[in-house]
Amino acid sequence: MNTAIDLPNALRQLPLETPATSAWPGLQQHLPQKRSWPKPALALVASTALAVLLWQTLIHTSPQTVAGTEQSAKQTDIQSLMDHSARLETAFYAQQDDAISSASVIAANLGIEDQLAAIDADLSQQPSPEQAQALWQQRVNLLDQGLQLNRTNADFNAVGRNFDLALASTN
């Protein structure tokens, strides 16, 4: 006679049994006694170790560590210039509108693109961190100028004025 038993439910319905006596006291007698440190002594050892560690790092800062910190700061500066350059480049190309731009504005944009290509070629030569920072700063300045040119051109065209005439009147 094979009858199917719902085993999970059958196990849940079993009463929980507790032992007549706890086995823990017997086990506890056979365990080795744990040696404990007095808390003030442990605190003294920990604070002394921390003081020695801080003293070594703060007092004995080597020139290499200072140079490494300066190098890290330059890398951070270069990274921020790179990020700023990427944002400006996106805006620069988005702002260009050859349909409303005159030949002189288009020529100026092409000149800026040529200068950007020259800077990018210099950056691809793996310059020193100082040179790289100067090149990235030039790139940011150039893109900022190009963006200002295209925004001013768009603003003049929005009110029906010719940007080339405005440029000629300032010379």
N, C-alpha and C. Protein backbone atom coordinates (compact mmCIF):
# COMPACT_ATOMS: atom_id res chain seq x y z
N MET A 1 0.80 -1.18 0.00
CA MET A 1 0.00 0.00 0.00
C MET A 1 0.85 1.25 0.00
N ASN A 2 0.84 1.87 -1.07
CA ASN A 2 1.62 3.10 -1.21
C ASN A 2 0.68 4.29 -1.13
N THR A 3 0.80 5.04 -0.08
CA THR A 3 0.01 6.26 0.04
C THR A 3 0.97 7.44 0.06
N ALA A 4 0.58 8.48 -0.57
CA ALA A 4 1.41 9.68 -0.62
C ALA A 4 1.27 10.46 0.67
N ILE A 5 2.37 10.83 1.23
CA ILE A 5 2.38 11.61 2.47
C ILE A 5 2.89 13.01 2.12
N ASP A 6 2.18 13.99 2.59
CA ASP A 6 2.62 15.38 2.42
C ASP A 6 3.66 15.66 3.50
N LEU A 7 4.92 15.37 3.19
CA LEU A 7 5.99 15.41 4.17
C LEU A 7 6.19 16.79 4.82
N PRO A 8 6.20 17.88 4.08
CA PRO A 8 6.40 19.17 4.75
C PRO A 8 5.33 19.46 5.80
N ASN A 9 4.08 19.20 5.46
CA ASN A 9 3.01 19.45 6.44
C ASN A 9 3.10 18.47 7.61
N ALA A 10 3.47 17.24 7.34
CA ALA A 10 3.57 16.25 8.41
C ALA A 10 4.68 16.64 9.39
N LEU A 11 5.77 17.15 8.88
CA LEU A 11 6.87 17.58 9.75
C LEU A 11 6.48 18.81 10.57
N ARG A 12 5.73 19.72 9.97
CA ARG A 12 5.28 20.91 10.71
C ARG A 12 4.32 20.57 11.84
N GLN A 13 3.61 19.49 11.69
CA GLN A 13 2.62 19.10 12.70
C GLN A 13 3.23 18.33 13.87
N LEU A 14 4.47 17.92 13.76
CA LEU A 14 5.10 17.21 14.87
C LEU A 14 5.31 18.16 16.04
N PRO A 15 5.09 17.68 17.27
CA PRO A 15 5.33 18.56 18.42
C PRO A 15 6.82 18.79 18.63
N LEU A 16 7.16 19.98 19.10
CA LEU A 16 8.56 20.28 19.40
C LEU A 16 8.92 19.65 20.72
N GLU A 17 9.99 18.92 20.73
CA GLU A 17 10.43 18.24 21.94
C GLU A 17 11.59 19.01 22.55
N THR A 18 11.58 19.14 23.83
CA THR A 18 12.71 19.74 24.53
C THR A 18 13.35 18.67 25.38
N PRO A 19 14.67 18.68 25.50
CA PRO A 19 15.31 17.65 26.32
C PRO A 19 14.97 17.84 27.79
N ALA A 20 15.02 16.76 28.53
CA ALA A 20 14.70 16.81 29.96
C ALA A 20 15.72 17.67 30.69
N THR A 21 16.98 17.56 30.31
CA THR A 21 18.02 18.39 30.93
C THR A 21 18.86 19.02 29.83
N SER A 22 19.40 20.19 30.12
CA SER A 22 20.22 20.90 29.15
C SER A 22 21.60 20.28 29.07
N ALA A 23 22.13 20.14 27.89
CA ALA A 23 23.46 19.56 27.69
C ALA A 23 24.56 20.62 27.83
N TRP A 24 24.20 21.88 27.85
CA TRP A 24 25.19 22.95 27.88
C TRP A 24 26.08 22.94 29.13
N PRO A 25 25.57 22.76 30.33
CA PRO A 25 26.48 22.75 31.49
C PRO A 25 27.56 21.68 31.38
N GLY A 26 27.23 20.54 30.85
CA GLY A 26 28.22 19.48 30.69
C GLY A 26 29.27 19.85 29.65
N LEU A 27 28.86 20.45 28.58
CA LEU A 27 29.80 20.88 27.56
C LEU A 27 30.69 22.01 28.06
N GLN A 28 30.12 22.89 28.81
CA GLN A 28 30.84 24.05 29.30
C GLN A 28 32.00 23.64 30.22
N GLN A 29 31.84 22.58 30.95
CA GLN A 29 32.91 22.11 31.84
C GLN A 29 34.12 21.60 31.06
N HIS A 30 33.90 21.10 29.85
CA HIS A 30 34.99 20.54 29.05
C HIS A 30 35.68 21.57 28.15
N LEU A 31 35.11 22.76 28.04
CA LEU A 31 35.72 23.81 27.22
C LEU A 31 36.88 24.46 27.96
N PRO A 32 37.94 24.84 27.24
CA PRO A 32 39.05 25.52 27.92
C PRO A 32 38.59 26.91 28.38
N GLN A 33 39.15 27.34 29.49
CA GLN A 33 38.79 28.66 30.01
C GLN A 33 39.40 29.73 29.10
N LYS A 34 38.59 30.70 28.76
CA LYS A 34 39.03 31.78 27.88
C LYS A 34 39.73 32.83 28.72
N ARG A 35 40.93 33.19 28.30
CA ARG A 35 41.68 34.21 29.02
C ARG A 35 41.19 35.56 28.54
N SER A 36 40.84 36.42 29.42
CA SER A 36 40.35 37.74 29.02
C SER A 36 41.32 38.81 29.49
N TRP A 37 41.46 39.80 28.68
CA TRP A 37 42.31 40.93 29.01
C TRP A 37 41.49 41.91 29.84
N PRO A 38 42.09 42.54 30.78
CA PRO A 38 41.37 43.59 31.47
C PRO A 38 41.12 44.74 30.48
N LYS A 39 39.97 45.30 30.52
CA LYS A 39 39.59 46.32 29.54
C LYS A 39 40.50 47.55 29.57
N PRO A 40 40.91 48.07 30.72
CA PRO A 40 41.82 49.23 30.67
C PRO A 40 43.15 48.90 30.00
N ALA A 41 43.69 47.71 30.20
CA ALA A 41 44.95 47.34 29.57
C ALA A 41 44.79 47.24 28.06
N LEU A 42 43.69 46.69 27.61
CA LEU A 42 43.43 46.58 26.18
C LEU A 42 43.29 47.96 25.56
N ALA A 43 42.60 48.85 26.25
CA ALA A 43 42.44 50.22 25.74
C ALA A 43 43.78 50.93 25.66
N LEU A 44 44.65 50.71 26.65
CA LEU A 44 45.97 51.34 26.65
C LEU A 44 46.81 50.84 25.48
N VAL A 45 46.80 49.55 25.22
CA VAL A 45 47.56 48.99 24.11
C VAL A 45 47.04 49.53 22.78
N ALA A 46 45.74 49.57 22.61
CA ALA A 46 45.16 50.06 21.36
C ALA A 46 45.47 51.55 21.14
N SER A 47 45.35 52.36 22.17
CA SER A 47 45.62 53.79 22.00
C SER A 47 47.10 54.05 21.75
N THR A 48 48.00 53.27 22.35
CA THR A 48 49.44 53.42 22.09
C THR A 48 49.76 53.05 20.64
N ALA A 49 49.19 51.98 20.16
CA ALA A 49 49.41 51.57 18.77
C ALA A 49 48.90 52.64 17.81
N LEU A 50 47.76 53.21 18.10
CA LEU A 50 47.21 54.26 17.24
C LEU A 50 48.09 55.50 17.27
N ALA A 51 48.59 55.87 18.44
CA ALA A 51 49.45 57.05 18.56
C ALA A 51 50.74 56.87 17.77
N VAL A 52 51.34 55.69 17.85
CA VAL A 52 52.57 55.41 17.11
C VAL A 52 52.31 55.48 15.61
N LEU A 53 51.21 54.91 15.17
CA LEU A 53 50.87 54.92 13.75
C LEU A 53 50.66 56.34 13.25
N LEU A 54 49.92 57.15 13.98
CA LEU A 54 49.70 58.53 13.58
C LEU A 54 51.00 59.33 13.59
N TRP A 55 51.83 59.10 14.59
CA TRP A 55 53.10 59.81 14.68
C TRP A 55 53.97 59.50 13.45
N GLN A 56 54.00 58.24 13.05
CA GLN A 56 54.82 57.86 11.90
C GLN A 56 54.30 58.47 10.61
N THR A 57 52.99 58.53 10.45
CA THR A 57 52.45 59.05 9.19
C THR A 57 52.46 60.57 9.14
N LEU A 58 52.21 61.24 10.25
CA LEU A 58 52.14 62.70 10.23
C LEU A 58 53.50 63.37 10.37
N ILE A 59 54.33 62.88 11.24
CA ILE A 59 55.62 63.52 11.49
C ILE A 59 56.63 63.16 10.41
N HIS A 60 56.64 61.93 9.99
CA HIS A 60 57.65 61.46 9.05
C HIS A 60 57.10 61.38 7.64
N THR A 61 56.53 62.46 7.13
CA THR A 61 56.04 62.48 5.76
C THR A 61 57.25 62.67 4.85
N SER A 62 57.45 61.75 3.96
CA SER A 62 58.62 61.80 3.09
C SER A 62 58.36 62.72 1.91
N PRO A 63 59.43 63.22 1.26
CA PRO A 63 59.27 64.05 0.07
C PRO A 63 58.55 63.30 -1.04
N GLN A 64 58.74 61.97 -1.10
CA GLN A 64 58.05 61.20 -2.13
C GLN A 64 56.54 61.25 -1.92
N THR A 65 56.11 61.22 -0.66
CA THR A 65 54.68 61.30 -0.37
C THR A 65 54.14 62.65 -0.77
N VAL A 66 54.90 63.72 -0.47
CA VAL A 66 54.48 65.07 -0.86
C VAL A 66 54.42 65.17 -2.37
N ALA A 67 55.44 64.62 -3.06
CA ALA A 67 55.43 64.65 -4.51
C ALA A 67 54.26 63.85 -5.06
N GLY A 68 53.97 62.71 -4.44
CA GLY A 68 52.83 61.91 -4.87
C GLY A 68 51.52 62.64 -4.68
N THR A 69 51.41 63.41 -3.59
CA THR A 69 50.21 64.20 -3.34
C THR A 69 50.06 65.29 -4.39
N GLU A 70 51.18 65.95 -4.72
CA GLU A 70 51.14 66.98 -5.76
C GLU A 70 50.77 66.38 -7.10
N GLN A 71 51.33 65.21 -7.41
CA GLN A 71 51.02 64.52 -8.66
C GLN A 71 49.53 64.17 -8.71
N SER A 72 49.01 63.70 -7.59
CA SER A 72 47.59 63.35 -7.52
C SER A 72 46.72 64.58 -7.72
N ALA A 73 47.13 65.72 -7.16
CA ALA A 73 46.37 66.96 -7.33
C ALA A 73 46.39 67.40 -8.79
N LYS A 74 47.54 67.24 -9.46
CA LYS A 74 47.63 67.62 -10.88
C LYS A 74 46.73 66.71 -11.71
N GLN A 75 46.72 65.40 -11.39
CA GLN A 75 45.85 64.48 -12.12
C GLN A 75 44.39 64.87 -11.94
N THR A 76 44.03 65.31 -10.72
CA THR A 76 42.66 65.73 -10.46
C THR A 76 42.34 66.98 -11.28
N ASP A 77 43.30 67.93 -11.32
CA ASP A 77 43.10 69.14 -12.11
C ASP A 77 42.96 68.81 -13.59
N ILE A 78 43.82 67.92 -14.08
CA ILE A 78 43.74 67.52 -15.49
C ILE A 78 42.42 66.84 -15.77
N GLN A 79 41.97 65.98 -14.86
CA GLN A 79 40.69 65.29 -15.07
C GLN A 79 39.53 66.28 -15.10
N SER A 80 39.56 67.28 -14.24
CA SER A 80 38.48 68.27 -14.25
C SER A 80 38.53 69.10 -15.53
N LEU A 81 39.74 69.42 -16.03
CA LEU A 81 39.85 70.12 -17.31
C LEU A 81 39.34 69.26 -18.46
N MET A 82 39.63 67.96 -18.40
CA MET A 82 39.15 67.05 -19.45
C MET A 82 37.62 66.99 -19.44
N ASP A 83 37.04 66.90 -18.26
CA ASP A 83 35.57 66.86 -18.16
C ASP A 83 34.96 68.15 -18.67
N HIS A 84 35.55 69.28 -18.28
CA HIS A 84 35.04 70.59 -18.71
C HIS A 84 35.18 70.72 -20.22
N SER A 85 36.30 70.25 -20.77
CA SER A 85 36.51 70.30 -22.21
C SER A 85 35.46 69.47 -22.95
N ALA A 86 35.13 68.31 -22.42
CA ALA A 86 34.12 67.45 -23.07
C ALA A 86 32.76 68.14 -23.09
N ARG A 87 32.40 68.78 -21.97
CA ARG A 87 31.10 69.49 -21.93
C ARG A 87 31.09 70.66 -22.91
N LEU A 88 32.20 71.43 -22.95
CA LEU A 88 32.27 72.56 -23.87
C LEU A 88 32.26 72.11 -25.33
N GLU A 89 32.95 71.01 -25.62
CA GLU A 89 32.98 70.53 -27.00
C GLU A 89 31.59 70.10 -27.48
N THR A 90 30.85 69.45 -26.60
CA THR A 90 29.47 69.07 -26.95
C THR A 90 28.63 70.31 -27.24
N ALA A 91 28.75 71.30 -26.37
CA ALA A 91 27.98 72.54 -26.56
C ALA A 91 28.45 73.30 -27.80
N PHE A 92 29.76 73.29 -28.05
CA PHE A 92 30.33 73.99 -29.22
C PHE A 92 29.74 73.45 -30.51
N TYR A 93 29.73 72.13 -30.65
CA TYR A 93 29.21 71.54 -31.89
C TYR A 93 27.68 71.65 -31.96
N ALA A 94 27.02 71.62 -30.82
CA ALA A 94 25.56 71.76 -30.83
C ALA A 94 25.15 73.18 -31.20
N GLN A 95 25.97 74.16 -30.84
CA GLN A 95 25.63 75.58 -31.07
C GLN A 95 25.89 76.01 -32.52
N GLN A 96 26.73 75.27 -33.23
CA GLN A 96 27.04 75.64 -34.62
C GLN A 96 25.80 75.45 -35.49
N ASP A 97 25.52 76.46 -36.30
CA ASP A 97 24.39 76.36 -37.23
C ASP A 97 24.83 77.00 -38.54
N ASP A 98 25.29 76.19 -39.48
CA ASP A 98 25.79 76.71 -40.74
C ASP A 98 24.70 77.37 -41.56
N ALA A 99 23.43 77.05 -41.30
CA ALA A 99 22.33 77.64 -42.06
C ALA A 99 22.20 79.14 -41.78
N ILE A 100 22.52 79.56 -40.55
CA ILE A 100 22.39 80.99 -40.22
C ILE A 100 23.74 81.68 -40.11
N SER A 101 24.83 80.91 -40.18
CA SER A 101 26.17 81.48 -40.01
C SER A 101 26.70 82.02 -41.32
N SER A 102 27.44 83.11 -41.21
CA SER A 102 28.09 83.68 -42.38
C SER A 102 29.37 82.89 -42.67
N ALA A 103 29.97 83.19 -43.80
CA ALA A 103 31.20 82.52 -44.18
C ALA A 103 32.31 82.79 -43.17
N SER A 104 32.35 83.99 -42.60
CA SER A 104 33.42 84.30 -41.65
C SER A 104 33.25 83.52 -40.34
N VAL A 105 32.00 83.32 -39.89
CA VAL A 105 31.77 82.53 -38.68
C VAL A 105 32.10 81.06 -38.94
N ILE A 106 31.71 80.56 -40.11
CA ILE A 106 32.04 79.17 -40.46
C ILE A 106 33.55 79.00 -40.55
N ALA A 107 34.24 79.98 -41.14
CA ALA A 107 35.70 79.92 -41.24
C ALA A 107 36.34 79.96 -39.86
N ALA A 108 35.80 80.78 -38.96
CA ALA A 108 36.32 80.85 -37.59
C ALA A 108 36.13 79.51 -36.89
N ASN A 109 34.96 78.88 -37.08
CA ASN A 109 34.72 77.56 -36.48
C ASN A 109 35.69 76.51 -37.02
N LEU A 110 35.96 76.57 -38.32
CA LEU A 110 36.92 75.63 -38.92
C LEU A 110 38.32 75.87 -38.37
N GLY A 111 38.67 77.14 -38.16
CA GLY A 111 39.97 77.47 -37.56
C GLY A 111 40.09 76.93 -36.15
N ILE A 112 39.00 77.05 -35.39
CA ILE A 112 38.99 76.51 -34.02
C ILE A 112 39.14 74.99 -34.06
N GLU A 113 38.45 74.34 -34.99
CA GLU A 113 38.57 72.89 -35.11
C GLU A 113 39.99 72.48 -35.48
N ASP A 114 40.66 73.26 -36.35
CA ASP A 114 42.05 72.97 -36.70
C ASP A 114 42.97 73.11 -35.48
N GLN A 115 42.74 74.16 -34.69
CA GLN A 115 43.55 74.36 -33.48
C GLN A 115 43.30 73.24 -32.47
N LEU A 116 42.05 72.79 -32.34
CA LEU A 116 41.73 71.67 -31.45
C LEU A 116 42.46 70.40 -31.91
N ALA A 117 42.50 70.19 -33.23
CA ALA A 117 43.20 69.01 -33.75
C ALA A 117 44.70 69.08 -33.43
N ALA A 118 45.29 70.27 -33.50
CA ALA A 118 46.71 70.43 -33.17
C ALA A 118 46.96 70.15 -31.68
N ILE A 119 46.07 70.66 -30.82
CA ILE A 119 46.20 70.40 -29.38
C ILE A 119 46.04 68.91 -29.10
N ASP A 120 45.07 68.28 -29.75
CA ASP A 120 44.85 66.84 -29.56
C ASP A 120 46.07 66.03 -30.01
N ALA A 121 46.73 66.48 -31.09
CA ALA A 121 47.94 65.80 -31.55
C ALA A 121 49.05 65.94 -30.51
N ASP A 122 49.17 67.12 -29.91
CA ASP A 122 50.17 67.31 -28.86
C ASP A 122 49.86 66.44 -27.64
N LEU A 123 48.58 66.34 -27.29
CA LEU A 123 48.19 65.51 -26.14
C LEU A 123 48.44 64.03 -26.40
N SER A 124 48.36 63.61 -27.64
CA SER A 124 48.58 62.20 -27.96
C SER A 124 50.04 61.80 -27.82
N GLN A 125 50.95 62.78 -27.70
CA GLN A 125 52.38 62.51 -27.56
C GLN A 125 52.78 62.24 -26.11
N GLN A 126 51.80 62.09 -25.19
CA GLN A 126 52.05 61.81 -23.78
C GLN A 126 52.98 62.85 -23.15
N PRO A 127 52.54 64.12 -23.09
CA PRO A 127 53.39 65.16 -22.49
C PRO A 127 53.48 65.00 -20.97
N SER A 128 54.37 65.77 -20.37
CA SER A 128 54.49 65.76 -18.91
C SER A 128 53.19 66.28 -18.30
N PRO A 129 52.95 66.01 -17.03
CA PRO A 129 51.71 66.50 -16.41
C PRO A 129 51.53 68.02 -16.51
N GLU A 130 52.63 68.77 -16.37
CA GLU A 130 52.53 70.24 -16.48
C GLU A 130 52.13 70.65 -17.89
N GLN A 131 52.77 70.04 -18.90
CA GLN A 131 52.43 70.34 -20.29
C GLN A 131 51.01 69.90 -20.62
N ALA A 132 50.62 68.74 -20.12
CA ALA A 132 49.26 68.25 -20.38
C ALA A 132 48.23 69.19 -19.78
N GLN A 133 48.50 69.67 -18.57
CA GLN A 133 47.55 70.59 -17.94
C GLN A 133 47.45 71.88 -18.75
N ALA A 134 48.58 72.40 -19.24
CA ALA A 134 48.57 73.62 -20.05
C ALA A 134 47.81 73.38 -21.36
N LEU A 135 48.02 72.23 -21.98
CA LEU A 135 47.31 71.93 -23.24
C LEU A 135 45.81 71.78 -23.02
N TRP A 136 45.42 71.10 -21.93
CA TRP A 136 43.98 70.96 -21.65
C TRP A 136 43.37 72.33 -21.34
N GLN A 137 44.12 73.21 -20.67
CA GLN A 137 43.61 74.56 -20.39
C GLN A 137 43.45 75.34 -21.69
N GLN A 138 44.41 75.20 -22.62
CA GLN A 138 44.27 75.85 -23.93
C GLN A 138 43.04 75.34 -24.67
N ARG A 139 42.82 74.05 -24.57
CA ARG A 139 41.66 73.44 -25.24
C ARG A 139 40.35 73.98 -24.67
N VAL A 140 40.28 74.09 -23.34
CA VAL A 140 39.09 74.63 -22.69
C VAL A 140 38.87 76.09 -23.11
N ASN A 141 39.94 76.89 -23.09
CA ASN A 141 39.82 78.30 -23.47
C ASN A 141 39.36 78.45 -24.92
N LEU A 142 39.93 77.64 -25.80
CA LEU A 142 39.58 77.69 -27.21
C LEU A 142 38.11 77.31 -27.44
N LEU A 143 37.66 76.24 -26.79
CA LEU A 143 36.26 75.83 -26.93
C LEU A 143 35.31 76.87 -26.35
N ASP A 144 35.72 77.51 -25.26
CA ASP A 144 34.91 78.55 -24.65
C ASP A 144 34.77 79.73 -25.61
N GLN A 145 35.86 80.12 -26.27
CA GLN A 145 35.81 81.20 -27.24
C GLN A 145 34.91 80.83 -28.43
N GLY A 146 35.04 79.59 -28.90
CA GLY A 146 34.20 79.15 -30.01
C GLY A 146 32.73 79.12 -29.64
N LEU A 147 32.45 78.70 -28.42
CA LEU A 147 31.07 78.67 -27.95
C LEU A 147 30.50 80.09 -27.85
N GLN A 148 31.30 81.01 -27.34
CA GLN A 148 30.85 82.41 -27.26
C GLN A 148 30.60 82.98 -28.65
N LEU A 149 31.46 82.66 -29.61
CA LEU A 149 31.28 83.11 -30.99
C LEU A 149 29.96 82.61 -31.56
N ASN A 150 29.69 81.31 -31.39
CA ASN A 150 28.46 80.74 -31.96
C ASN A 150 27.21 81.24 -31.24
N ARG A 151 27.28 81.45 -29.94
CA ARG A 151 26.12 81.99 -29.21
C ARG A 151 25.84 83.43 -29.63
N THR A 152 26.89 84.21 -29.75
CA THR A 152 26.70 85.61 -30.18
C THR A 152 26.13 85.66 -31.59
N ASN A 153 26.64 84.80 -32.47
CA ASN A 153 26.12 84.73 -33.84
C ASN A 153 24.63 84.36 -33.82
N ALA A 154 24.25 83.39 -33.00
CA ALA A 154 22.85 82.98 -32.92
C ALA A 154 21.99 84.09 -32.33
N ASP A 155 22.51 84.79 -31.32
CA ASP A 155 21.75 85.89 -30.72
C ASP A 155 21.52 87.01 -31.73
N PHE A 156 22.53 87.37 -32.50
CA PHE A 156 22.37 88.42 -33.50
C PHE A 156 21.37 87.99 -34.56
N ASN A 157 21.46 86.75 -35.03
CA ASN A 157 20.53 86.26 -36.04
C ASN A 157 19.11 86.16 -35.51
N ALA A 158 18.94 85.91 -34.21
CA ALA A 158 17.60 85.80 -33.63
C ALA A 158 16.86 87.13 -33.66
N VAL A 159 17.58 88.23 -33.60
CA VAL A 159 16.94 89.55 -33.64
C VAL A 159 17.05 90.19 -35.02
N GLY A 160 17.50 89.40 -36.01
CA GLY A 160 17.52 89.88 -37.39
C GLY A 160 18.72 90.74 -37.73
N ARG A 161 19.76 90.69 -36.94
CA ARG A 161 20.97 91.47 -37.21
C ARG A 161 22.05 90.55 -37.77
N ASN A 162 22.96 91.14 -38.52
CA ASN A 162 24.04 90.38 -39.12
C ASN A 162 25.27 90.47 -38.21
N PHE A 163 25.78 89.32 -37.83
CA PHE A 163 26.93 89.27 -36.93
C PHE A 163 28.18 89.83 -37.60
N ASP A 164 28.34 89.62 -38.92
CA ASP A 164 29.52 90.15 -39.62
C ASP A 164 29.53 91.67 -39.58
N LEU A 165 28.35 92.29 -39.71
CA LEU A 165 28.29 93.75 -39.61
C LEU A 165 28.64 94.23 -38.21
N ALA A 166 28.22 93.48 -37.21
CA ALA A 166 28.56 93.84 -35.84
C ALA A 166 30.05 93.72 -35.61
N LEU A 167 30.68 92.69 -36.18
CA LEU A 167 32.13 92.55 -36.06
C LEU A 167 32.84 93.68 -36.78
N ALA A 168 32.36 94.04 -37.97
CA ALA A 168 33.00 95.12 -38.74
C ALA A 168 32.88 96.45 -38.03
N SER A 169 31.78 96.68 -37.30
CA SER A 169 31.58 97.96 -36.64
C SER A 169 32.45 98.10 -35.39
N THR A 170 32.96 97.01 -34.85
CA THR A 170 33.82 97.11 -33.68
C THR A 170 35.28 97.31 -34.05
N ASN A 171 35.64 97.09 -35.30
CA ASN A 171 37.05 97.25 -35.71
C ASN A 171 37.37 98.68 -35.99
